[in-house]
């Protein structure tokens, strides 16, 4: 994508689905959740992990 990086805080019921759709569209992402395991699929798609919000 055109140098757009999207950040997502909270990957639960709502944020998880929204962020997955954005990641599948090819955008660069930085993600954070209180539970790092919630980000596993996104990290496998190339998202970066943020240690803090």
N, C-alpha and C. Protein backbone atom coordinates (compact mmCIF):
# COMPACT_ATOMS: atom_id res chain seq x y z
N UNK A 1 0.83 -1.19 0.00
CA UNK A 1 0.00 0.00 0.00
C UNK A 1 0.88 1.25 0.00
N UNK A 2 0.26 2.36 -0.07
CA UNK A 2 0.94 3.65 -0.26
C UNK A 2 1.49 4.22 1.04
N UNK A 3 2.46 3.55 1.64
CA UNK A 3 3.11 4.04 2.86
C UNK A 3 2.14 4.40 3.98
N UNK A 4 1.05 3.71 4.08
CA UNK A 4 0.10 3.94 5.16
C UNK A 4 0.33 2.84 6.19
N UNK A 5 0.53 3.25 7.43
CA UNK A 5 0.68 2.28 8.52
C UNK A 5 -0.46 2.53 9.49
N UNK A 6 -1.18 1.47 9.81
CA UNK A 6 -2.34 1.56 10.68
C UNK A 6 -2.01 0.92 12.02
N UNK A 7 -2.41 1.57 13.09
CA UNK A 7 -2.22 1.04 14.44
C UNK A 7 -3.54 0.57 15.02
N UNK A 8 -3.53 -0.58 15.68
CA UNK A 8 -4.72 -1.11 16.33
C UNK A 8 -4.39 -1.43 17.78
N UNK A 9 -5.18 -0.90 18.68
CA UNK A 9 -5.08 -1.22 20.10
C UNK A 9 -6.36 -1.94 20.48
N UNK A 10 -6.23 -3.17 20.90
CA UNK A 10 -7.39 -3.98 21.26
C UNK A 10 -7.77 -4.90 20.12
N UNK A 11 -7.55 -6.19 20.32
CA UNK A 11 -7.77 -7.17 19.26
C UNK A 11 -8.80 -8.21 19.69
N UNK A 12 -9.79 -7.76 20.42
CA UNK A 12 -10.85 -8.65 20.90
C UNK A 12 -11.90 -8.93 19.85
N UNK A 13 -13.15 -9.05 20.28
CA UNK A 13 -14.24 -9.42 19.37
C UNK A 13 -14.39 -8.46 18.21
N UNK A 14 -14.34 -7.18 18.45
CA UNK A 14 -14.50 -6.21 17.38
C UNK A 14 -13.18 -5.89 16.70
N UNK A 15 -12.17 -5.52 17.46
CA UNK A 15 -10.88 -5.12 16.90
C UNK A 15 -10.17 -6.23 16.17
N UNK A 16 -10.34 -7.46 16.63
CA UNK A 16 -9.68 -8.59 15.98
C UNK A 16 -10.15 -8.77 14.54
N UNK A 17 -11.46 -8.73 14.35
CA UNK A 17 -12.02 -8.89 13.00
C UNK A 17 -11.69 -7.72 12.09
N UNK A 18 -11.81 -6.51 12.62
CA UNK A 18 -11.51 -5.33 11.80
C UNK A 18 -10.04 -5.31 11.39
N UNK A 19 -9.17 -5.57 12.34
CA UNK A 19 -7.74 -5.53 12.03
C UNK A 19 -7.34 -6.64 11.06
N UNK A 20 -7.97 -7.80 11.16
CA UNK A 20 -7.66 -8.89 10.23
C UNK A 20 -8.06 -8.51 8.81
N UNK A 21 -9.21 -7.89 8.63
CA UNK A 21 -9.63 -7.46 7.30
C UNK A 21 -8.67 -6.42 6.73
N UNK A 22 -8.21 -5.51 7.55
CA UNK A 22 -7.26 -4.49 7.09
C UNK A 22 -5.93 -5.13 6.72
N UNK A 23 -5.47 -6.06 7.55
CA UNK A 23 -4.20 -6.74 7.26
C UNK A 23 -4.28 -7.53 5.96
N UNK A 24 -5.39 -8.21 5.73
CA UNK A 24 -5.58 -8.99 4.51
C UNK A 24 -5.63 -8.09 3.27
N UNK A 25 -5.96 -6.81 3.47
CA UNK A 25 -5.99 -5.86 2.35
C UNK A 25 -4.60 -5.36 2.00
N UNK A 26 -3.61 -5.71 2.81
CA UNK A 26 -2.23 -5.38 2.48
C UNK A 26 -1.63 -4.17 3.17
N UNK A 27 -2.34 -3.59 4.12
CA UNK A 27 -1.80 -2.43 4.83
C UNK A 27 -0.76 -2.86 5.87
N UNK A 28 0.24 -2.01 6.10
CA UNK A 28 1.20 -2.23 7.18
C UNK A 28 0.49 -1.92 8.48
N UNK A 29 0.73 -2.75 9.50
CA UNK A 29 0.03 -2.57 10.77
C UNK A 29 0.98 -2.68 11.95
N UNK A 30 0.63 -1.94 12.99
CA UNK A 30 1.24 -2.07 14.30
C UNK A 30 0.09 -2.39 15.25
N UNK A 31 0.25 -3.44 16.05
CA UNK A 31 -0.86 -3.88 16.89
C UNK A 31 -0.44 -4.03 18.35
N UNK A 32 -1.44 -3.89 19.23
CA UNK A 32 -1.21 -4.10 20.66
C UNK A 32 -2.50 -4.60 21.29
N UNK A 33 -2.36 -5.49 22.25
CA UNK A 33 -3.47 -5.98 23.05
C UNK A 33 -2.90 -6.37 24.40
N UNK A 34 -3.73 -6.37 25.42
CA UNK A 34 -3.26 -6.78 26.74
C UNK A 34 -2.78 -8.24 26.72
N UNK A 35 -3.31 -9.02 25.79
CA UNK A 35 -2.96 -10.43 25.62
C UNK A 35 -2.26 -10.60 24.27
N UNK A 36 -0.96 -10.77 24.27
CA UNK A 36 -0.20 -10.86 23.02
C UNK A 36 -0.68 -12.00 22.12
N UNK A 37 -1.19 -13.06 22.70
CA UNK A 37 -1.67 -14.20 21.90
C UNK A 37 -2.80 -13.79 20.96
N UNK A 38 -3.54 -12.74 21.30
CA UNK A 38 -4.61 -12.26 20.43
C UNK A 38 -4.09 -11.74 19.10
N UNK A 39 -2.80 -11.41 19.05
CA UNK A 39 -2.19 -10.85 17.84
C UNK A 39 -1.49 -11.90 16.98
N UNK A 40 -1.50 -13.15 17.38
CA UNK A 40 -0.73 -14.18 16.68
C UNK A 40 -0.99 -14.21 15.18
N UNK A 41 -2.26 -14.26 14.78
CA UNK A 41 -2.58 -14.33 13.34
C UNK A 41 -2.11 -13.09 12.60
N UNK A 42 -2.26 -11.94 13.23
CA UNK A 42 -1.84 -10.69 12.59
C UNK A 42 -0.32 -10.63 12.45
N UNK A 43 0.39 -11.08 13.47
CA UNK A 43 1.85 -11.09 13.42
C UNK A 43 2.34 -12.03 12.32
N UNK A 44 1.64 -13.14 12.12
CA UNK A 44 1.99 -14.08 11.05
C UNK A 44 1.76 -13.46 9.67
N UNK A 45 0.84 -12.49 9.59
CA UNK A 45 0.58 -11.80 8.32
C UNK A 45 1.51 -10.61 8.11
N UNK A 46 2.41 -10.37 9.09
CA UNK A 46 3.39 -9.31 8.91
C UNK A 46 3.20 -8.08 9.77
N UNK A 47 2.21 -8.07 10.63
CA UNK A 47 2.02 -6.92 11.51
C UNK A 47 3.17 -6.81 12.50
N UNK A 48 3.44 -5.61 12.94
CA UNK A 48 4.45 -5.37 13.99
C UNK A 48 3.75 -5.38 15.34
N UNK A 49 4.44 -5.83 16.36
CA UNK A 49 3.93 -5.80 17.72
C UNK A 49 4.41 -4.54 18.42
N UNK A 50 3.52 -3.85 19.10
CA UNK A 50 3.89 -2.69 19.92
C UNK A 50 3.84 -3.12 21.38
N UNK A 51 4.91 -2.92 22.12
CA UNK A 51 4.94 -3.33 23.52
C UNK A 51 4.00 -2.52 24.40
N UNK A 52 3.70 -1.30 23.99
CA UNK A 52 2.78 -0.44 24.75
C UNK A 52 1.81 0.21 23.77
N UNK A 53 0.65 0.60 24.29
CA UNK A 53 -0.30 1.28 23.41
C UNK A 53 0.28 2.57 22.87
